Amino acid sequence: MKETTMKARNTLAIAAAAAVLAMPLLAQEHHRHGMMDEHHGKWSKMHSTMMADWKTQDAELEKLVSEMNTAEGEKKVAAIAAVASKLVELRLSDHAKMTDMWDKEDR
């Protein structure tokens, strides 16, 4: 009986020590998950903003293409140039935004 009580006490002491030693690891894991949630939230917001920007840009392009498709003569050439210029502008703008976003991520 005394031996069983000693074994139980030793087992309880080992379990308690293991739990105490594991606490910092559990705290680190919790902190890491919190950071991941924060990171995901930031990316989710940026994604939503980017999608809204693209929707606006698509509307601008659709308008320009519609004007291009109905234009004739010299106005057609000017409309084609307007579409090409807008595509380049949007491409460069998106590239600058992505570069800025990745630069911020590296900090």
Protein backbone atom coordinates (compact mmCIF):
# COMPACT_ATOMS: atom_id res chain seq x y z
CA MET A 1 0.00 0.00 0.00
CA LYS A 2 2.79 2.40 0.96
CA GLU A 3 4.63 1.55 -2.27
CA THR A 4 1.51 2.30 -4.36
CA THR A 5 1.11 5.67 -2.65
CA MET A 6 4.79 6.49 -3.36
CA LYS A 7 4.39 5.53 -7.02
CA ALA A 8 1.27 7.68 -7.31
CA ARG A 9 3.06 10.61 -5.66
CA ASN A 10 6.08 10.23 -7.95
CA THR A 11 3.85 10.01 -11.00
CA LEU A 12 1.95 13.11 -9.92
CA ALA A 13 5.22 14.99 -9.31
CA ILE A 14 6.55 14.02 -12.75
CA ALA A 15 3.29 15.05 -14.42
CA ALA A 16 3.29 18.39 -12.58
CA ALA A 17 6.92 19.03 -13.56
CA ALA A 18 6.19 18.17 -17.19
CA ALA A 19 3.20 20.52 -17.20
CA VAL A 20 5.28 23.36 -15.74
CA LEU A 21 8.05 22.76 -18.27
CA ALA A 22 5.58 22.67 -21.16
CA MET A 23 3.92 26.00 -20.29
CA PRO A 24 6.47 28.22 -22.11
CA LEU A 25 6.09 26.07 -25.22
CA LEU A 26 2.32 26.36 -25.11
CA ALA A 27 2.59 30.11 -24.60
CA GLN A 28 4.89 30.40 -27.62
CA GLU A 29 2.45 28.38 -29.73
CA HIS A 30 -0.45 30.59 -28.63
CA HIS A 31 1.56 33.73 -29.44
CA ARG A 32 2.49 32.32 -32.86
CA HIS A 33 -1.16 31.62 -33.66
CA GLY A 34 -2.08 35.16 -32.59
CA MET A 35 0.56 36.54 -34.94
CA MET A 36 -0.75 34.33 -37.75
CA ASP A 37 -4.30 35.60 -37.18
CA GLU A 38 -3.05 39.19 -37.27
CA HIS A 39 -1.07 38.49 -40.43
CA HIS A 40 -4.09 36.82 -42.08
CA GLY A 41 -6.32 39.76 -41.17
CA LYS A 42 -3.87 42.23 -42.69
CA TRP A 43 -3.60 40.21 -45.90
CA SER A 44 -7.38 39.76 -46.05
CA LYS A 45 -7.88 43.53 -45.85
CA MET A 46 -5.27 44.16 -48.55
CA HIS A 47 -6.90 41.51 -50.75
CA SER A 48 -10.33 43.13 -50.36
CA THR A 49 -8.89 46.54 -51.23
CA MET A 50 -7.10 45.12 -54.25
CA MET A 51 -10.27 43.42 -55.51
CA ALA A 52 -12.25 46.68 -55.16
CA ASP A 53 -9.51 48.55 -57.04
CA TRP A 54 -9.58 45.98 -59.83
CA LYS A 55 -13.36 46.27 -60.11
CA THR A 56 -13.02 50.06 -60.55
CA GLN A 57 -10.19 49.59 -63.05
CA ASP A 58 -12.23 47.04 -65.02
CA ALA A 59 -15.10 49.51 -65.28
CA GLU A 60 -12.71 52.18 -66.62
CA LEU A 61 -11.30 49.75 -69.18
CA GLU A 62 -14.75 48.59 -70.25
CA LYS A 63 -15.75 52.21 -70.87
CA LEU A 64 -12.61 52.93 -72.90
CA VAL A 65 -12.99 49.73 -74.94
CA SER A 66 -16.63 50.52 -75.62
CA GLU A 67 -15.63 53.98 -76.86
CA MET A 68 -12.86 52.42 -78.95
CA ASN A 69 -15.25 49.91 -80.53
CA THR A 70 -17.71 52.61 -81.60
CA ALA A 71 -15.13 55.18 -82.74
CA GLU A 72 -14.30 55.75 -86.40
CA GLY A 73 -11.44 57.29 -88.33
CA GLU A 74 -8.95 59.36 -86.34
CA LYS A 75 -11.07 59.01 -83.21
CA LYS A 76 -10.56 55.23 -83.45
CA VAL A 77 -6.77 55.66 -83.39
CA ALA A 78 -7.02 58.00 -80.39
CA ALA A 79 -9.34 55.54 -78.61
CA ILE A 80 -6.93 52.65 -79.21
CA ALA A 81 -4.10 54.79 -77.82
CA ALA A 82 -6.25 55.62 -74.77
CA VAL A 83 -6.87 51.90 -74.08
CA ALA A 84 -3.19 51.04 -74.50
CA SER A 85 -2.12 53.94 -72.28
CA LYS A 86 -4.61 52.98 -69.57
CA LEU A 87 -3.43 49.34 -69.63
CA VAL A 88 0.19 50.45 -69.17
CA GLU A 89 -0.80 52.88 -66.41
CA LEU A 90 -2.70 50.18 -64.53
CA ARG A 91 0.08 47.62 -64.97
CA LEU A 92 2.73 49.99 -63.63
CA SER A 93 0.47 51.04 -60.76
CA ASP A 94 -0.23 47.43 -59.76
CA HIS A 95 3.48 46.62 -59.95
CA ALA A 96 4.33 49.58 -57.70
CA LYS A 97 1.65 48.53 -55.18
CA MET A 98 2.90 44.94 -55.10
CA THR A 99 6.50 46.07 -54.67
CA ASP A 100 5.47 48.38 -51.83
CA MET A 101 3.45 45.61 -50.20
CA TRP A 102 6.35 43.14 -50.31
CA ASP A 103 8.79 45.78 -49.08
CA LYS A 104 6.52 46.42 -46.07
CA GLU A 105 6.28 42.68 -45.44
CA ASP A 106 10.10 42.40 -45.32
CA ARG A 107 10.31 45.03 -42.56
